[in-house]
Amino acid sequence: MNPIDWLGWCAAALVLASFYLRTMVTLRLVAIASNIAFAGYGLLADATPVLVLHCLLLPLNLVRLVQMRALVRRVKRASAGDLSMDMLLPYMNLRTAPAGTRLFERGDHAEAVFLILKGRVRIVGLEVLVTPGQLIGEMGLFSPEQKRTYAALCETEVELAVVDEDKIWEMIYQNPAFGAYLLRIVVQRTTGRFDAATSTASH
């Protein structure tokens, strides 16, 4: 087997390895390595489609890696290194909301869970303030009809990491440890513990 073939097989092995990775940063790093290897293979083997494809994929993976690392840093700062938050990183979307925005109303369908990254959210009726590093909206997922039991109002401009309900349920089914973590949150919430150590608050 010549060196060009070896390079092609190594590139293919890197792609295969990426399918077994569960952490997004490592996955992107391996994907970048495979892009470089495949681009080299395409160049040396005169396989123009392979070369063009991976030259296009390489900057995309680099951008996604930078975005994911930035999100990791922001979530780590907000949640004080809570490892359970890391499980949600691949599913998070960033969103901002100006002061005065209602994230949800009482009776709304609980369609997402929010991690507060910046700002303060007030739970209307309970008069509880949710601050950076705390989850909001998890209780609605477990309510009898999956409805919000309180409204949430942004007291300041708020930066949020949002996870859709489908992804939350997927995580619960795939990762029992995450399900246990959420169960602990719900128990703490129902017993009235709103301090920052619980990393939670709200319906």
Foldseek 3Di string as FASTA:
>chain_A
DDPLVVLVVVLVVLVVVLVVDDQLLVSLVSLLVSLVSQLVSCVVVVVVVSNVVSVVVNVVSVVVNVVLVVQVVLLCVQQVNDVLVSNCSVQWDKDKDAAFDKPDAFFAALFKKKAWRQAWKAWPPVRDIDGGNAIERLVLCVPPRSTFHTIIGGRGITMIIMGTPVVLVVCVVVPVVSVVLSVQLVVCAVVPNDDCVSSYYYD
